[in-house]
């Protein structure tokens, strides 16, 4: 049994079938990619994984607990963090302030700023924020306003904000979208470092196959809301069902 289990998930929007009998098992401390052409149901599935959407039928379990119907802060407290397609940061705050917020908001579960109980607690939180920024190579930019950063650096900052919550599961929604190739490669390197620690499970939605094949241990291919294939990257390459989904014709 995986740390993340999706069982018999179906979701419709009016007459549109977005997901059809989706089953998914993600093993702990692996990277599982979900790919497919536009309209395949990838974003709908991701929104079900974080409780944002409730399936018409089926279940989503993380570490044995249902995520369905939970509020965002409850999802975070379960150990799930999400990196959005467009980086979600506080543009008016500095880089360091952006990371400090989730660092100590996690302490009381209220997700609000509050006074530190002791000097030692403040020192601990500041050290944690510094470490997160060093991990993503953003410490030297700690005093910059987040809104002035490049897209690649905004992505790194969002990664630091997510990691500061010490998640067990990191969900990545097209983390390299709109990036130049150099920033894409830097993001791949960062995600490889995170994966190499062996304490975080990743689920990634991504159109860039270079990113997918660089990171994924397993890949699920969706088409029209239905899982077509789940296999290793080597076996996905050239698979006739994958070619049919992307190119509209089966390989011969």
C-alpha atoms as a PDB file:
ATOM      1  CA  UNK A   1       0.000   0.000   0.000  1.00  0.00           C
ATOM      2  CA  UNK A   2       1.309   3.437  -0.962  1.00  0.00           C
ATOM      3  CA  UNK A   3       1.491   6.549   1.175  1.00  0.00           C
ATOM      4  CA  UNK A   4      -1.020   8.093  -1.282  1.00  0.00           C
ATOM      5  CA  UNK A   5      -3.932   5.960  -2.471  1.00  0.00           C
ATOM      6  CA  UNK A   6      -6.517   7.050  -5.034  1.00  0.00           C
ATOM      7  CA  UNK A   7      -9.323   4.534  -5.375  1.00  0.00           C
ATOM      8  CA  UNK A   8     -12.121   4.552  -7.949  1.00  0.00           C
ATOM      9  CA  UNK A   9     -12.242   8.335  -8.332  1.00  0.00           C
ATOM     10  CA  UNK A  10     -14.840   9.748 -10.719  1.00  0.00           C
ATOM     11  CA  UNK A  11     -15.574  13.416 -11.304  1.00  0.00           C
ATOM     12  CA  UNK A  12     -17.988  15.156 -13.663  1.00  0.00           C
ATOM     13  CA  UNK A  13     -18.609  18.833 -14.357  1.00  0.00           C
ATOM     14  CA  UNK A  14     -22.101  18.871 -15.805  1.00  0.00           C
ATOM     15  CA  UNK A  15     -21.957  16.670 -18.876  1.00  0.00           C
ATOM     16  CA  UNK A  16     -18.142  16.612 -18.946  1.00  0.00           C
ATOM     17  CA  UNK A  17     -16.441  13.552 -17.537  1.00  0.00           C
ATOM     18  CA  UNK A  18     -13.192  14.880 -16.082  1.00  0.00           C
ATOM     19  CA  UNK A  19     -12.052  11.711 -14.276  1.00  0.00           C
ATOM     20  CA  UNK A  20     -13.198   8.169 -14.854  1.00  0.00           C
ATOM     21  CA  UNK A  21     -12.404   5.358 -12.410  1.00  0.00           C
ATOM     22  CA  UNK A  22      -8.929   6.638 -11.523  1.00  0.00           C
ATOM     23  CA  UNK A  23      -6.817   4.384  -9.330  1.00  0.00           C
ATOM     24  CA  UNK A  24      -3.357   5.447  -8.229  1.00  0.00           C
ATOM     25  CA  UNK A  25      -0.889   4.178  -5.651  1.00  0.00           C
ATOM     26  CA  UNK A  26       2.163   6.338  -4.884  1.00  0.00           C
ATOM     27  CA  UNK A  27       4.930   4.682  -2.915  1.00  0.00           C
ATOM     28  CA  UNK A  28       6.641   6.546  -0.084  1.00  0.00           C
ATOM     29  CA  UNK A  29       9.767   8.582  -0.928  1.00  0.00           C
ATOM     30  CA  UNK A  30       9.351   8.200  -4.691  1.00  0.00           C
ATOM     31  CA  UNK A  31       8.521  10.666  -7.467  1.00  0.00           C
ATOM     32  CA  UNK A  32       5.336   9.822  -9.369  1.00  0.00           C
ATOM     33  CA  UNK A  33       4.566  11.832 -12.517  1.00  0.00           C
ATOM     34  CA  UNK A  34       1.115  12.314 -14.014  1.00  0.00           C
ATOM     35  CA  UNK A  35       1.210  13.232 -17.684  1.00  0.00           C
ATOM     36  CA  UNK A  36      -1.247  13.519 -20.549  1.00  0.00           C
ATOM     37  CA  UNK A  37      -2.423  15.890 -23.274  1.00  0.00           C
ATOM     38  CA  UNK A  38      -4.371  19.045 -22.510  1.00  0.00           C
ATOM     39  CA  UNK A  39      -7.771  18.240 -21.043  1.00  0.00           C
ATOM     40  CA  UNK A  40      -6.666  14.825 -19.794  1.00  0.00           C
ATOM     41  CA  UNK A  41      -7.805  15.528 -16.224  1.00  0.00           C
ATOM     42  CA  UNK A  42      -4.416  16.135 -14.602  1.00  0.00           C
ATOM     43  CA  UNK A  43      -5.333  19.353 -12.786  1.00  0.00           C
ATOM     44  CA  UNK A  44      -8.690  17.931 -11.704  1.00  0.00           C
ATOM     45  CA  UNK A  45      -6.903  14.944 -10.191  1.00  0.00           C
ATOM     46  CA  UNK A  46      -4.366  17.174  -8.433  1.00  0.00           C
ATOM     47  CA  UNK A  47      -7.184  19.258  -6.951  1.00  0.00           C
ATOM     48  CA  UNK A  48      -8.742  16.056  -5.618  1.00  0.00           C
ATOM     49  CA  UNK A  49      -5.414  15.109  -4.007  1.00  0.00           C
ATOM     50  CA  UNK A  50      -5.415  18.302  -1.923  1.00  0.00           C
ATOM     51  CA  UNK A  51      -9.099  18.158  -1.042  1.00  0.00           C
ATOM     52  CA  UNK A  52      -9.946  21.197  -3.169  1.00  0.00           C
ATOM     53  CA  UNK A  53     -12.370  19.105  -5.223  1.00  0.00           C
ATOM     54  CA  UNK A  54     -14.492  16.282  -3.874  1.00  0.00           C
ATOM     55  CA  UNK A  55     -14.957  13.375  -6.312  1.00  0.00           C
ATOM     56  CA  UNK A  56     -18.452  12.207  -7.177  1.00  0.00           C
ATOM     57  CA  UNK A  57     -17.341   8.731  -6.121  1.00  0.00           C
ATOM     58  CA  UNK A  58     -14.130   7.212  -4.821  1.00  0.00           C
ATOM     59  CA  UNK A  59     -11.598   8.034  -2.123  1.00  0.00           C
ATOM     60  CA  UNK A  60      -8.228   9.748  -1.688  1.00  0.00           C
ATOM     61  CA  UNK A  61      -6.159   8.590   1.277  1.00  0.00           C
ATOM     62  CA  UNK A  62      -2.882  10.059   2.468  1.00  0.00           C
ATOM     63  CA  UNK A  63      -1.048   8.067   5.112  1.00  0.00           C
ATOM     64  CA  UNK A  64      -4.305   6.210   5.736  1.00  0.00           C
ATOM     65  CA  UNK A  65      -6.426   9.365   6.217  1.00  0.00           C
ATOM     66  CA  UNK A  66      -8.951  10.853   3.820  1.00  0.00           C
ATOM     67  CA  UNK A  67      -8.093  14.280   2.391  1.00  0.00           C
ATOM     68  CA  UNK A  68     -11.578  14.897   1.046  1.00  0.00           C
ATOM     69  CA  UNK A  69     -13.377  17.968   2.363  1.00  0.00           C
ATOM     70  CA  UNK A  70     -10.454  19.179   4.453  1.00  0.00           C
ATOM     71  CA  UNK A  71      -9.509  22.843   4.647  1.00  0.00           C
ATOM     72  CA  UNK A  72      -6.134  24.004   3.232  1.00  0.00           C
ATOM     73  CA  UNK A  73      -4.506  24.396   6.669  1.00  0.00           C
ATOM     74  CA  UNK A  74      -5.665  20.885   7.587  1.00  0.00           C
ATOM     75  CA  UNK A  75      -4.070  19.533   4.417  1.00  0.00           C
ATOM     76  CA  UNK A  76      -0.816  21.275   5.387  1.00  0.00           C
ATOM     77  CA  UNK A  77      -0.987  19.846   8.889  1.00  0.00           C
ATOM     78  CA  UNK A  78      -1.352  16.352   7.420  1.00  0.00           C
ATOM     79  CA  UNK A  79       2.033  16.877   5.749  1.00  0.00           C
ATOM     80  CA  UNK A  80       0.992  17.864   2.224  1.00  0.00           C
ATOM     81  CA  UNK A  81       2.391  20.929   0.445  1.00  0.00           C
ATOM     82  CA  UNK A  82       1.632  22.116  -3.078  1.00  0.00           C
ATOM     83  CA  UNK A  83       3.723  24.098  -5.547  1.00  0.00           C
ATOM     84  CA  UNK A  84       1.391  25.926  -7.911  1.00  0.00           C
ATOM     85  CA  UNK A  85       1.778  26.460 -11.653  1.00  0.00           C
ATOM     86  CA  UNK A  86       2.142  30.192 -10.989  1.00  0.00           C
ATOM     87  CA  UNK A  87       4.356  30.730  -7.911  1.00  0.00           C
ATOM     88  CA  UNK A  88       2.267  31.826  -4.921  1.00  0.00           C
ATOM     89  CA  UNK A  89       4.401  34.169  -2.838  1.00  0.00           C
ATOM     90  CA  UNK A  90       3.955  37.408  -0.908  1.00  0.00           C
ATOM     91  CA  UNK A  91       5.363  39.872  -3.437  1.00  0.00           C
ATOM     92  CA  UNK A  92       5.478  42.821  -1.020  1.00  0.00           C
ATOM     93  CA  UNK A  93       7.554  40.936   1.575  1.00  0.00           C
ATOM     94  CA  UNK A  94      11.241  40.064   1.501  1.00  0.00           C
ATOM     95  CA  UNK A  95      12.478  36.611   0.570  1.00  0.00           C
ATOM     96  CA  UNK A  96      13.276  35.850   4.207  1.00  0.00           C
ATOM     97  CA  UNK A  97       9.883  37.066   5.453  1.00  0.00           C
ATOM     98  CA  UNK A  98       8.155  34.799   2.933  1.00  0.00           C
ATOM     99  CA  UNK A  99       9.865  31.755   4.416  1.00  0.00           C
ATOM    100  CA  UNK A 100       9.462  32.831   8.046  1.00  0.00           C
ATOM    101  CA  UNK A 101       5.667  32.880   7.761  1.00  0.00           C
ATOM    102  CA  UNK A 102       5.180  29.131   7.141  1.00  0.00           C
ATOM    103  CA  UNK A 103       8.095  28.291   9.445  1.00  0.00           C
ATOM    104  CA  UNK A 104       6.440  29.504  12.616  1.00  0.00           C
ATOM    105  CA  UNK A 105       2.803  29.457  11.503  1.00  0.00           C
ATOM    106  CA  UNK A 106       3.172  25.679  11.467  1.00  0.00           C
ATOM    107  CA  UNK A 107       3.873  25.705  15.212  1.00  0.00           C
ATOM    108  CA  UNK A 108       0.371  26.384  16.488  1.00  0.00           C
ATOM    109  CA  UNK A 109      -1.740  25.220  13.575  1.00  0.00           C
ATOM    110  CA  UNK A 110      -3.470  28.588  13.315  1.00  0.00           C
ATOM    111  CA  UNK A 111      -1.432  29.816  10.336  1.00  0.00           C
ATOM    112  CA  UNK A 112      -1.174  33.348  11.633  1.00  0.00           C
ATOM    113  CA  UNK A 113       1.636  35.518  12.880  1.00  0.00           C
ATOM    114  CA  UNK A 114       2.084  35.488  16.625  1.00  0.00           C
ATOM    115  CA  UNK A 115       4.640  36.447  19.255  1.00  0.00           C
ATOM    116  CA  UNK A 116       7.442  34.010  19.986  1.00  0.00           C
ATOM    117  CA  UNK A 117       7.144  32.259  23.344  1.00  0.00           C
ATOM    118  CA  UNK A 118      10.864  32.431  24.079  1.00  0.00           C
ATOM    119  CA  UNK A 119      14.086  33.769  22.621  1.00  0.00           C
ATOM    120  CA  UNK A 120      15.123  30.164  21.985  1.00  0.00           C
ATOM    121  CA  UNK A 121      11.966  29.554  19.937  1.00  0.00           C
ATOM    122  CA  UNK A 122      12.667  32.626  17.815  1.00  0.00           C
ATOM    123  CA  UNK A 123      16.263  31.524  17.291  1.00  0.00           C
ATOM    124  CA  UNK A 124      15.105  28.065  16.231  1.00  0.00           C
ATOM    125  CA  UNK A 125      12.633  29.427  13.682  1.00  0.00           C
ATOM    126  CA  UNK A 126      15.173  31.860  12.230  1.00  0.00           C
ATOM    127  CA  UNK A 127      17.700  29.042  11.875  1.00  0.00           C
ATOM    128  CA  UNK A 128      15.107  26.895  10.123  1.00  0.00           C
ATOM    129  CA  UNK A 129      14.272  29.682   7.659  1.00  0.00           C
ATOM    130  CA  UNK A 130      17.942  30.273   6.949  1.00  0.00           C
ATOM    131  CA  UNK A 131      18.501  26.581   6.275  1.00  0.00           C
ATOM    132  CA  UNK A 132      15.556  26.420   3.872  1.00  0.00           C
ATOM    133  CA  UNK A 133      16.888  29.382   1.891  1.00  0.00           C
ATOM    134  CA  UNK A 134      20.387  27.928   1.811  1.00  0.00           C
ATOM    135  CA  UNK A 135      18.970  24.622   0.596  1.00  0.00           C
ATOM    136  CA  UNK A 136      17.403  26.327  -2.424  1.00  0.00           C
ATOM    137  CA  UNK A 137      20.392  28.667  -2.907  1.00  0.00           C
ATOM    138  CA  UNK A 138      18.420  31.820  -2.083  1.00  0.00           C
ATOM    139  CA  UNK A 139      20.093  32.957   1.149  1.00  0.00           C
ATOM    140  CA  UNK A 140      22.090  35.695  -0.567  1.00  0.00           C
ATOM    141  CA  UNK A 141      18.803  37.194  -1.811  1.00  0.00           C
ATOM    142  CA  UNK A 142      17.080  37.091   1.589  1.00  0.00           C
ATOM    143  CA  UNK A 143      16.586  40.879   1.812  1.00  0.00           C
ATOM    144  CA  UNK A 144      15.206  41.313  -1.710  1.00  0.00           C
ATOM    145  CA  UNK A 145      11.507  41.918  -2.199  1.00  0.00           C
ATOM    146  CA  UNK A 146       9.965  38.725  -3.537  1.00  0.00           C
ATOM    147  CA  UNK A 147       8.097  40.569  -6.288  1.00  0.00           C
ATOM    148  CA  UNK A 148      11.368  41.629  -7.893  1.00  0.00           C
ATOM    149  CA  UNK A 149      12.672  38.075  -8.361  1.00  0.00           C
ATOM    150  CA  UNK A 150      12.940  36.235 -11.656  1.00  0.00           C
ATOM    151  CA  UNK A 151      10.407  33.464 -12.317  1.00  0.00           C
ATOM    152  CA  UNK A 152      13.040  30.847 -11.585  1.00  0.00           C
ATOM    153  CA  UNK A 153      13.902  32.455  -8.237  1.00  0.00           C
ATOM    154  CA  UNK A 154      10.216  32.846  -7.357  1.00  0.00           C
ATOM    155  CA  UNK A 155       9.866  29.115  -7.926  1.00  0.00           C
ATOM    156  CA  UNK A 156      12.851  28.442  -5.645  1.00  0.00           C
ATOM    157  CA  UNK A 157      11.330  30.694  -2.993  1.00  0.00           C
ATOM    158  CA  UNK A 158       8.007  28.868  -3.200  1.00  0.00           C
ATOM    159  CA  UNK A 159       9.903  25.575  -2.836  1.00  0.00           C
ATOM    160  CA  UNK A 160      11.563  26.919   0.325  1.00  0.00           C
ATOM    161  CA  UNK A 161       8.172  27.987   1.690  1.00  0.00           C
ATOM    162  CA  UNK A 162       6.774  24.517   1.051  1.00  0.00           C
ATOM    163  CA  UNK A 163       9.807  22.733   2.493  1.00  0.00           C
ATOM    164  CA  UNK A 164       9.715  24.889   5.625  1.00  0.00           C
ATOM    165  CA  UNK A 165       6.443  23.151   6.488  1.00  0.00           C
ATOM    166  CA  UNK A 166       8.389  19.857   6.534  1.00  0.00           C
ATOM    167  CA  UNK A 167       5.970  18.029   4.246  1.00  0.00           C
ATOM    168  CA  UNK A 168       5.781  14.299   3.711  1.00  0.00           C
ATOM    169  CA  UNK A 169       4.162  14.837   0.288  1.00  0.00           C
ATOM    170  CA  UNK A 170       5.087  17.572  -2.190  1.00  0.00           C
ATOM    171  CA  UNK A 171       2.664  18.142  -5.083  1.00  0.00           C
ATOM    172  CA  UNK A 172       4.125  20.025  -8.039  1.00  0.00           C
ATOM    173  CA  UNK A 173       1.844  21.538 -10.684  1.00  0.00           C
ATOM    174  CA  UNK A 174       4.007  22.203 -13.755  1.00  0.00           C
ATOM    175  CA  UNK A 175       6.906  23.612 -11.714  1.00  0.00           C
ATOM    176  CA  UNK A 176       8.905  24.631 -14.809  1.00  0.00           C
ATOM    177  CA  UNK A 177       6.062  26.261 -16.779  1.00  0.00           C
ATOM    178  CA  UNK A 178       7.202  29.444 -18.529  1.00  0.00           C
ATOM    179  CA  UNK A 179      10.835  29.018 -17.531  1.00  0.00           C
ATOM    180  CA  UNK A 180      13.910  29.451 -19.692  1.00  0.00           C
ATOM    181  CA  UNK A 181      15.902  26.251 -20.180  1.00  0.00           C
ATOM    182  CA  UNK A 182      18.589  27.337 -17.702  1.00  0.00           C
ATOM    183  CA  UNK A 183      15.966  27.910 -14.974  1.00  0.00           C
ATOM    184  CA  UNK A 184      14.322  24.593 -15.877  1.00  0.00           C
ATOM    185  CA  UNK A 185      17.610  22.760 -15.439  1.00  0.00           C
ATOM    186  CA  UNK A 186      18.219  24.509 -12.123  1.00  0.00           C
ATOM    187  CA  UNK A 187      14.760  23.455 -10.944  1.00  0.00           C
ATOM    188  CA  UNK A 188      15.440  19.856 -11.977  1.00  0.00           C
ATOM    189  CA  UNK A 189      18.685  19.925  -9.988  1.00  0.00           C
ATOM    190  CA  UNK A 190      16.861  21.335  -6.949  1.00  0.00           C
ATOM    191  CA  UNK A 191      14.132  18.679  -7.131  1.00  0.00           C
ATOM    192  CA  UNK A 192      16.761  15.959  -7.492  1.00  0.00           C
ATOM    193  CA  UNK A 193      18.419  17.237  -4.303  1.00  0.00           C
ATOM    194  CA  UNK A 194      15.069  17.197  -2.472  1.00  0.00           C
ATOM    195  CA  UNK A 195      14.297  13.723  -3.772  1.00  0.00           C
ATOM    196  CA  UNK A 196      17.760  12.506  -2.791  1.00  0.00           C
ATOM    197  CA  UNK A 197      17.109  13.212   0.882  1.00  0.00           C
ATOM    198  CA  UNK A 198      14.763  10.234   0.919  1.00  0.00           C
ATOM    199  CA  UNK A 199      12.126  11.737   3.210  1.00  0.00           C
ATOM    200  CA  UNK A 200       9.680  13.400   0.804  1.00  0.00           C
ATOM    201  CA  UNK A 201       7.267  11.809  -1.661  1.00  0.00           C
ATOM    202  CA  UNK A 202       6.606  13.816  -4.824  1.00  0.00           C
ATOM    203  CA  UNK A 203       3.743  13.879  -7.296  1.00  0.00           C
ATOM    204  CA  UNK A 204       4.441  16.006 -10.353  1.00  0.00           C
ATOM    205  CA  UNK A 205       2.291  17.206 -13.228  1.00  0.00           C
ATOM    206  CA  UNK A 206       4.470  18.422 -16.061  1.00  0.00           C
ATOM    207  CA  UNK A 207       4.342  18.847 -19.841  1.00  0.00           C
ATOM    208  CA  UNK A 208       8.111  18.993 -20.267  1.00  0.00           C
ATOM    209  CA  UNK A 209       9.144  15.369 -20.784  1.00  0.00           C
ATOM    210  CA  UNK A 210      12.774  16.220 -20.041  1.00  0.00           C
ATOM    211  CA  UNK A 211      11.676  17.170 -16.523  1.00  0.00           C
ATOM    212  CA  UNK A 212       9.473  14.085 -16.150  1.00  0.00           C
ATOM    213  CA  UNK A 213      12.093  11.582 -17.287  1.00  0.00           C
ATOM    214  CA  UNK A 214      14.750  13.279 -15.172  1.00  0.00           C
ATOM    215  CA  UNK A 215      12.788  12.878 -11.936  1.00  0.00           C
ATOM    216  CA  UNK A 216      10.054  10.246 -12.074  1.00  0.00           C
ATOM    217  CA  UNK A 217      10.266   6.716 -10.714  1.00  0.00           C
ATOM    218  CA  UNK A 218       6.771   5.906 -12.000  1.00  0.00           C
ATOM    219  CA  UNK A 219       4.558   7.627 -14.576  1.00  0.00           C
ATOM    220  CA  UNK A 220       0.794   7.527 -14.988  1.00  0.00           C
ATOM    221  CA  UNK A 221      -0.570   8.599 -18.383  1.00  0.00           C
ATOM    222  CA  UNK A 222      -4.074  10.087 -18.455  1.00  0.00           C
ATOM    223  CA  UNK A 223      -6.256  10.629 -21.508  1.00  0.00           C
ATOM    224  CA  UNK A 224      -9.789  12.038 -21.325  1.00  0.00           C
ATOM    225  CA  UNK A 225      -9.815  11.438 -17.587  1.00  0.00           C
ATOM    226  CA  UNK A 226      -8.910   7.774 -17.833  1.00  0.00           C
ATOM    227  CA  UNK A 227      -5.572   6.187 -16.850  1.00  0.00           C
ATOM    228  CA  UNK A 228      -4.056   4.551 -19.916  1.00  0.00           C
ATOM    229  CA  UNK A 229      -0.712   3.293 -18.649  1.00  0.00           C
ATOM    230  CA  UNK A 230       1.298   3.273 -15.444  1.00  0.00           C
ATOM    231  CA  UNK A 231       4.912   2.148 -15.669  1.00  0.00           C
ATOM    232  CA  UNK A 232       8.561   3.127 -15.290  1.00  0.00           C
ATOM    233  CA  UNK A 233       9.939   5.947 -17.458  1.00  0.00           C
ATOM    234  CA  UNK A 234      11.893   3.498 -19.632  1.00  0.00           C
ATOM    235  CA  UNK A 235       8.765   1.491 -20.399  1.00  0.00           C
ATOM    236  CA  UNK A 236       6.626   4.592 -20.987  1.00  0.00           C
ATOM    237  CA  UNK A 237       8.923   5.846 -23.733  1.00  0.00           C
ATOM    238  CA  UNK A 238       7.564   4.716 -27.075  1.00  0.00           C
ATOM    239  CA  UNK A 239       4.535   2.973 -25.549  1.00  0.00           C
ATOM    240  CA  UNK A 240       1.832   2.705 -28.263  1.00  0.00           C
ATOM    241  CA  UNK A 241      -0.962   3.928 -25.960  1.00  0.00           C
ATOM    242  CA  UNK A 242       1.099   6.967 -25.018  1.00  0.00           C
ATOM    243  CA  UNK A 243       1.766   7.787 -28.672  1.00  0.00           C
ATOM    244  CA  UNK A 244      -1.916   7.409 -29.404  1.00  0.00           C
ATOM    245  CA  UNK A 245      -2.868   9.774 -26.565  1.00  0.00           C
ATOM    246  CA  UNK A 246      -0.404  12.469 -27.627  1.00  0.00           C
ATOM    247  CA  UNK A 247      -0.319  12.047 -31.389  1.00  0.00           C
ATOM    248  CA  UNK A 248      -3.781  10.711 -32.098  1.00  0.00           C
ATOM    249  CA  UNK A 249      -2.523   7.535 -33.703  1.00  0.00           C
ATOM    250  CA  UNK A 250      -1.221   4.229 -32.436  1.00  0.00           C
ATOM    251  CA  UNK A 251       2.314   3.132 -33.178  1.00  0.00           C
ATOM    252  CA  UNK A 252       2.670   0.352 -35.750  1.00  0.00           C
END
